[in-house]
Amino acid sequence: MREFGLRRTVILIFLLLLSGVVHSAQTIYLIRHAEKSKLPANNPVLTEQGMHRAGHIADLLAAADIRVVYSSPYARTRQTAQPIAQRHQLKLSDYDPRQLQALAGVVREDGRNTVVVGHSNTTPRLLNALTGLAFPDMDESEYDSIFQLTLLNDETWQLQTLKSLPRQPSKIPKLSDVVNYVQMTPELHTSGMPTAQHMRHWGAYGFDAVVNLAPHDEKKSVAGEAQAVNAAGADYLNIAVDWENPTTEDFDQFIAFMQGRTSEKVLLHCRKNMRASVFAFLYRVIVLDEDAERVYASVQKVWQPNAVWRAYAQSELKRFDIDFQVP
């Protein structure tokens, strides 16, 4: 075993209860993302099991005095970090996983209790950058380790290892159970009206913001949605779009709300995902500059817009000088 100076101590404790966490000095939690799927191939998202684990990690760290939450700019790390950030009413901060030495310096200089969510290689390498240790990369099957590093001063630190567990899947309803749910992009999700049961678990889904396009007095609306979303640490906006008369002001309000949120996870919903699917189409084409024909296919997965909504979509495209004939 390597010998360290008397002023350096390493404490490796497995299955540590959170009550043993030391809060008198800076504490840094280094976490690998939870279980990931195979798709999308270039930026996979968490599996259902991974989403449950992310929720449990947030529960495990609920009593910690966390002030900053970092995530690499990938869906799987953001989905793991978001429930933690929401629990502490924080916004995620991105970092470059190729610049770990720089991140280690920033975190140390900041001095606040911090969570960093990374990958099987970057998580132990950041730990090494912070401590001078030589931990190997994590095994690809290892998702449950949470490295708790407490910096007592420039030369003295303590390292403890917590273990996370996946939550019981049956306790959290699937987003896919919401009527006409469609994940348009890794960040933008659309659906009909979520149920009260879904709203009780907003924190587990990792949304940064929720936009409801239906009037609150519309059939099947659920009371208390704004409070449930805000309690999960996410932003909420209601744009009461008239089904028979959607307006330019409605879409402008949505665009304004979405400014600066291109990397955030957003749920856009209405009653049946009819209004929402058209707004998502317009946003992706007008703001994100995606191909109109390809994106319109996502609307047709939900419904064939009626005359009012075809005319509305066409007028908005024309307003932004986009040449596409809405079928």
Protein backbone atom coordinates (compact mmCIF):
# COMPACT_ATOMS: atom_id res chain seq x y z
CA MET A 1 0.00 0.00 0.00
CA ARG A 2 1.26 3.50 -0.78
CA GLU A 3 2.39 5.55 2.21
CA PHE A 4 0.96 9.04 2.63
CA GLY A 5 2.13 11.86 4.89
CA LEU A 6 0.79 11.92 8.42
CA ARG A 7 -1.38 14.87 7.54
CA ARG A 8 -3.19 12.88 4.83
CA THR A 9 -5.82 10.33 5.75
CA VAL A 10 -7.96 8.08 3.61
CA ILE A 11 -11.09 6.53 5.03
CA LEU A 12 -12.85 4.04 2.76
CA ILE A 13 -16.26 3.22 4.22
CA PHE A 14 -18.78 1.21 2.22
CA LEU A 15 -22.55 1.42 2.64
CA LEU A 16 -22.09 4.54 4.78
CA LEU A 17 -25.23 6.07 6.26
CA LEU A 18 -25.80 9.66 5.20
CA SER A 19 -25.93 10.69 8.84
CA GLY A 20 -22.18 10.19 8.91
CA VAL A 21 -21.48 12.91 6.34
CA VAL A 22 -19.15 15.66 7.55
CA HIS A 23 -20.37 19.17 6.74
CA SER A 24 -17.77 21.30 8.52
CA ALA A 25 -15.51 21.45 5.44
CA GLN A 26 -16.01 21.34 1.69
CA THR A 27 -17.62 18.08 0.59
CA ILE A 28 -17.53 16.94 -3.02
CA TYR A 29 -19.69 14.09 -4.33
CA LEU A 30 -18.33 12.39 -7.45
CA ILE A 31 -20.96 10.26 -9.16
CA ARG A 32 -21.03 8.22 -12.33
CA HIS A 33 -24.26 8.50 -14.32
CA ALA A 34 -26.91 5.84 -13.71
CA GLU A 35 -27.74 2.94 -16.03
CA LYS A 36 -27.90 4.02 -19.68
CA SER A 37 -29.72 2.65 -22.70
CA LYS A 38 -28.16 1.93 -26.09
CA LEU A 39 -30.09 4.68 -27.86
CA PRO A 40 -29.65 7.25 -29.22
CA ALA A 41 -26.28 5.80 -30.16
CA ASN A 42 -24.47 9.16 -30.05
CA ASN A 43 -26.08 10.37 -26.80
CA PRO A 44 -27.88 7.58 -24.92
CA VAL A 45 -30.45 8.37 -22.25
CA LEU A 46 -31.04 6.60 -18.95
CA THR A 47 -32.98 3.38 -18.78
CA GLU A 48 -36.01 3.13 -16.52
CA GLN A 49 -33.74 1.50 -13.94
CA GLY A 50 -31.32 4.39 -14.33
CA MET A 51 -34.08 6.95 -13.75
CA HIS A 52 -35.04 5.17 -10.54
CA ARG A 53 -31.42 5.12 -9.39
CA ALA A 54 -31.08 8.84 -10.13
CA GLY A 55 -34.08 9.48 -7.93
CA HIS A 56 -32.60 7.42 -5.12
CA ILE A 57 -29.30 9.30 -5.33
CA ALA A 58 -31.26 12.55 -4.95
CA ASP A 59 -32.99 11.07 -1.90
CA LEU A 60 -29.65 9.95 -0.46
CA LEU A 61 -28.17 13.44 -0.76
CA ALA A 62 -31.31 15.35 0.25
CA ALA A 63 -29.90 16.34 3.64
CA ALA A 64 -26.50 17.37 2.28
CA ASP A 65 -25.84 21.11 2.03
CA ILE A 66 -25.17 21.03 -1.73
CA ARG A 67 -24.61 24.39 -3.42
CA VAL A 68 -23.35 23.44 -6.92
CA VAL A 69 -24.23 20.57 -9.26
CA TYR A 70 -22.03 19.91 -12.30
CA SER A 71 -22.84 17.61 -15.22
CA SER A 72 -21.02 16.78 -18.42
CA PRO A 73 -23.08 17.89 -21.46
CA TYR A 74 -24.69 14.51 -22.16
CA ALA A 75 -28.23 13.25 -21.68
CA ARG A 76 -27.30 10.40 -19.31
CA THR A 77 -25.30 12.61 -16.95
CA ARG A 78 -27.82 15.45 -17.01
CA GLN A 79 -30.66 13.02 -16.27
CA THR A 80 -28.70 11.69 -13.29
CA ALA A 81 -27.78 15.13 -12.00
CA GLN A 82 -31.10 16.89 -12.53
CA PRO A 83 -33.06 15.28 -9.64
CA ILE A 84 -30.25 16.29 -7.27
CA ALA A 85 -30.24 19.86 -8.58
CA GLN A 86 -34.02 20.07 -8.36
CA ARG A 87 -34.04 18.75 -4.79
CA HIS A 88 -31.70 21.60 -3.80
CA GLN A 89 -33.36 24.17 -6.10
CA LEU A 90 -30.22 24.62 -8.19
CA LYS A 91 -29.50 24.96 -11.90
CA LEU A 92 -27.12 22.51 -13.52
CA SER A 93 -23.65 23.74 -14.43
CA ASP A 94 -21.97 22.09 -17.43
CA TYR A 95 -18.28 21.18 -17.52
CA ASP A 96 -15.91 19.89 -20.18
CA PRO A 97 -15.00 16.26 -19.33
CA ARG A 98 -11.76 16.73 -21.27
CA GLN A 99 -10.62 19.44 -18.82
CA LEU A 100 -10.67 17.62 -15.47
CA GLN A 101 -7.61 19.32 -13.99
CA ALA A 102 -9.21 22.69 -14.67
CA LEU A 103 -12.49 21.53 -13.12
CA ALA A 104 -10.65 20.25 -10.04
CA GLY A 105 -9.10 23.69 -9.61
CA VAL A 106 -12.44 25.47 -10.01
CA VAL A 107 -14.17 23.19 -7.50
CA ARG A 108 -11.41 23.56 -4.92
CA GLU A 109 -11.26 27.33 -5.35
CA ASP A 110 -15.04 27.64 -5.06
CA GLY A 111 -15.06 25.96 -1.65
CA ARG A 112 -18.76 25.07 -1.62
CA ASN A 113 -20.27 21.60 -1.32
CA THR A 114 -20.47 20.26 -4.85
CA VAL A 115 -21.82 17.34 -6.87
CA VAL A 116 -20.08 16.32 -10.10
CA VAL A 117 -21.78 13.74 -12.31
CA GLY A 118 -19.55 12.11 -14.89
CA HIS A 119 -18.63 8.82 -16.53
CA SER A 120 -16.85 5.55 -15.75
CA ASN A 121 -13.53 7.10 -16.76
CA THR A 122 -13.91 10.77 -15.83
CA THR A 123 -15.29 10.18 -12.32
CA PRO A 124 -12.22 8.36 -10.92
CA ARG A 125 -9.88 10.61 -12.92
CA LEU A 126 -11.42 13.71 -11.34
CA LEU A 127 -11.04 12.04 -7.95
CA ASN A 128 -7.36 11.48 -8.78
CA ALA A 129 -6.98 15.12 -9.84
CA LEU A 130 -8.42 16.26 -6.51
CA THR A 131 -6.43 13.89 -4.29
CA GLY A 132 -3.30 12.71 -6.10
CA LEU A 133 -4.50 9.10 -5.88
CA ALA A 134 -4.42 6.66 -8.78
CA PHE A 135 -7.86 5.10 -8.94
CA PRO A 136 -8.43 3.03 -12.11
CA ASP A 137 -11.40 3.63 -14.38
CA MET A 138 -14.64 2.16 -13.11
CA ASP A 139 -16.01 -1.08 -14.46
CA GLU A 140 -18.73 -0.54 -17.05
CA SER A 141 -21.18 -2.45 -14.83
CA GLU A 142 -20.57 -0.25 -11.76
CA TYR A 143 -23.31 2.32 -11.23
CA ASP A 144 -23.83 2.38 -7.46
CA SER A 145 -20.69 4.06 -6.09
CA ILE A 146 -20.84 7.64 -4.83
CA PHE A 147 -17.43 9.00 -3.87
CA GLN A 148 -17.74 11.49 -1.02
CA LEU A 149 -14.57 13.54 -0.74
CA THR A 150 -14.26 15.91 2.23
CA LEU A 151 -11.49 18.51 1.92
CA LEU A 152 -10.44 19.54 5.42
CA ASN A 153 -7.62 21.80 4.23
CA ASP A 154 -5.10 21.93 1.38
CA GLU A 155 -3.38 18.72 2.47
CA THR A 156 -5.91 16.78 4.53
CA TRP A 157 -8.94 15.03 3.12
CA GLN A 158 -11.24 12.11 3.78
CA LEU A 159 -12.69 9.74 1.20
CA GLN A 160 -15.82 7.73 1.83
CA THR A 161 -17.85 5.60 -0.58
CA LEU A 162 -21.63 5.58 -0.43
CA LYS A 163 -23.80 3.11 -2.31
CA SER A 164 -27.00 3.96 -4.17
CA LEU A 165 -29.87 1.62 -4.83
CA PRO A 166 -32.46 1.69 -7.61
CA ARG A 167 -35.89 2.75 -6.45
CA GLN A 168 -38.76 0.35 -6.85
CA PRO A 169 -39.99 0.94 -10.43
CA SER A 170 -43.65 0.44 -9.54
CA LYS A 171 -43.71 3.57 -7.37
CA ILE A 172 -43.02 5.98 -10.25
CA PRO A 173 -45.36 5.99 -13.28
CA LYS A 174 -43.76 5.97 -16.69
CA LEU A 175 -43.82 9.14 -18.75
CA SER A 176 -44.81 6.95 -21.69
CA ASP A 177 -48.10 6.33 -19.87
CA VAL A 178 -49.13 9.97 -20.39
CA VAL A 179 -51.53 10.30 -23.32
CA ASN A 180 -49.75 10.83 -26.65
CA TYR A 181 -46.32 11.16 -25.03
CA VAL A 182 -43.57 11.79 -27.62
CA GLN A 183 -39.90 12.50 -26.97
CA MET A 184 -39.16 14.92 -29.81
CA THR A 185 -35.46 15.35 -28.98
CA PRO A 186 -33.33 14.32 -25.98
CA GLU A 187 -34.26 17.67 -24.44
CA LEU A 188 -37.80 18.41 -25.72
CA HIS A 189 -40.66 16.12 -24.70
CA THR A 190 -44.35 16.60 -25.55
CA SER A 191 -47.50 14.98 -24.24
CA GLY A 192 -51.11 15.27 -23.31
CA MET A 193 -52.16 16.12 -19.76
CA PRO A 194 -50.04 14.35 -17.09
CA THR A 195 -51.98 12.73 -14.28
CA ALA A 196 -51.87 13.72 -10.62
CA GLN A 197 -49.72 10.63 -10.00
CA HIS A 198 -47.15 11.82 -12.55
CA MET A 199 -47.12 15.25 -10.96
CA ARG A 200 -46.28 13.78 -7.56
CA HIS A 201 -43.05 12.45 -9.08
CA TRP A 202 -41.86 15.43 -11.16
CA GLY A 203 -38.43 15.32 -9.54
CA ALA A 204 -37.80 11.77 -10.78
CA TYR A 205 -38.19 12.78 -14.44
CA GLY A 206 -35.48 15.41 -14.37
CA PHE A 207 -37.29 18.22 -16.18
CA ASP A 208 -35.82 21.70 -15.96
CA ALA A 209 -39.09 23.27 -17.09
CA VAL A 210 -42.72 22.40 -17.85
CA VAL A 211 -44.96 24.36 -20.23
CA ASN A 212 -48.71 23.80 -20.27
CA LEU A 213 -50.57 25.16 -23.31
CA ALA A 214 -54.05 24.26 -22.03
CA PRO A 215 -56.25 26.64 -20.01
CA HIS A 216 -56.40 25.52 -16.38
CA ASP A 217 -60.18 25.18 -16.53
CA GLU A 218 -60.01 22.80 -19.49
CA LYS A 219 -61.29 19.25 -19.07
CA LYS A 220 -58.81 16.85 -17.43
CA SER A 221 -56.58 19.65 -16.13
CA VAL A 222 -55.01 18.77 -12.78
CA ALA A 223 -55.06 21.36 -10.02
CA GLY A 224 -51.76 22.25 -8.41
CA GLU A 225 -49.51 21.52 -11.40
CA ALA A 226 -47.52 24.74 -11.04
CA GLN A 227 -46.89 24.08 -7.34
CA ALA A 228 -45.81 20.48 -8.02
CA VAL A 229 -43.38 21.55 -10.74
CA ASN A 230 -41.89 24.37 -8.67
CA ALA A 231 -41.56 22.07 -5.65
CA ALA A 232 -39.39 19.80 -7.82
CA GLY A 233 -37.12 22.77 -8.57
CA ALA A 234 -38.30 23.26 -12.16
CA ASP A 235 -39.75 26.32 -13.89
CA TYR A 236 -43.40 26.39 -14.94
CA LEU A 237 -45.29 28.37 -17.56
CA ASN A 238 -48.94 28.22 -18.54
CA ILE A 239 -49.93 29.70 -21.92
CA ALA A 240 -53.70 29.36 -22.20
CA VAL A 241 -53.90 28.75 -25.96
CA ASP A 242 -57.42 29.04 -27.35
CA TRP A 243 -58.12 25.83 -29.28
CA GLU A 244 -60.11 27.71 -31.91
CA ASN A 245 -57.87 30.77 -32.09
CA PRO A 246 -54.14 30.24 -31.42
CA THR A 247 -52.25 33.51 -31.75
CA THR A 248 -48.85 34.83 -32.73
CA GLU A 249 -48.49 36.16 -29.17
CA ASP A 250 -48.91 32.62 -27.82
CA PHE A 251 -45.98 31.31 -29.84
CA ASP A 252 -43.85 34.39 -29.14
CA GLN A 253 -44.38 33.84 -25.42
CA PHE A 254 -43.22 30.25 -25.80
CA ILE A 255 -40.12 31.27 -27.76
CA ALA A 256 -39.24 33.87 -25.13
CA PHE A 257 -39.55 31.29 -22.36
CA MET A 258 -37.34 28.84 -24.25
CA GLN A 259 -34.49 31.29 -24.79
CA GLY A 260 -31.35 29.88 -23.20
CA ARG A 261 -32.98 26.48 -22.63
CA THR A 262 -31.72 24.58 -25.69
CA SER A 263 -29.74 22.18 -23.47
CA GLU A 264 -32.41 21.88 -20.77
CA LYS A 265 -34.96 19.11 -20.50
CA VAL A 266 -38.43 20.56 -21.10
CA LEU A 267 -41.91 19.01 -21.11
CA LEU A 268 -44.37 20.81 -23.39
CA HIS A 269 -47.91 19.56 -22.94
CA CYS A 270 -51.58 20.39 -23.39
CA ARG A 271 -54.65 18.20 -23.10
CA LYS A 272 -53.94 15.66 -25.87
CA ASN A 273 -50.59 16.83 -27.30
CA MET A 274 -52.30 18.53 -30.24
CA ARG A 275 -51.44 22.13 -29.42
CA ALA A 276 -48.09 21.00 -27.98
CA SER A 277 -47.02 18.94 -31.01
CA VAL A 278 -47.61 21.90 -33.35
CA PHE A 279 -45.76 24.32 -31.06
CA ALA A 280 -42.87 21.85 -30.84
CA PHE A 281 -42.82 21.56 -34.64
CA LEU A 282 -42.70 25.33 -35.08
CA TYR A 283 -40.03 25.73 -32.40
CA ARG A 284 -37.78 23.05 -33.87
CA VAL A 285 -38.08 24.45 -37.40
CA ILE A 286 -38.01 28.19 -36.65
CA VAL A 287 -35.61 28.31 -33.69
CA LEU A 288 -33.57 25.12 -33.95
CA ASP A 289 -33.43 25.22 -37.77
CA GLU A 290 -34.43 21.58 -38.23
CA ASP A 291 -35.83 20.19 -41.48
CA ALA A 292 -39.56 21.02 -41.64
CA GLU A 293 -40.68 17.93 -43.54
CA ARG A 294 -38.85 15.57 -41.21
CA VAL A 295 -40.03 17.32 -38.06
CA TYR A 296 -43.65 17.51 -39.23
CA ALA A 297 -43.73 13.72 -39.22
CA SER A 298 -43.57 13.92 -35.40
CA VAL A 299 -46.80 15.95 -35.42
CA GLN A 300 -48.47 13.33 -37.59
CA LYS A 301 -47.57 10.66 -35.07
CA VAL A 302 -49.99 12.41 -32.74
CA TRP A 303 -52.71 13.73 -35.07
CA GLN A 304 -53.53 15.21 -38.45
CA PRO A 305 -53.98 18.91 -37.67
CA ASN A 306 -57.37 20.39 -38.56
CA ALA A 307 -57.89 23.45 -40.72
CA VAL A 308 -57.40 25.93 -37.85
CA TRP A 309 -54.06 24.47 -36.80
CA ARG A 310 -52.78 23.91 -40.34
CA ALA A 311 -53.47 27.56 -41.11
CA TYR A 312 -51.82 28.63 -37.84
CA ALA A 313 -48.67 26.62 -38.51
CA GLN A 314 -48.52 27.93 -42.06
CA SER A 315 -48.86 31.56 -40.97
CA GLU A 316 -46.10 31.20 -38.35
CA LEU A 317 -43.74 29.61 -40.87
CA LYS A 318 -44.49 32.43 -43.31
CA ARG A 319 -43.84 35.03 -40.60
CA PHE A 320 -40.31 33.65 -40.25
CA ASP A 321 -39.79 33.27 -44.03
CA ILE A 322 -39.74 29.47 -43.99
CA ASP A 323 -40.88 27.86 -47.23
CA PHE A 324 -42.81 24.73 -46.31
CA GLN A 325 -46.33 23.75 -47.28
CA VAL A 326 -48.11 22.31 -44.27
CA PRO A 327 -49.98 19.19 -45.50
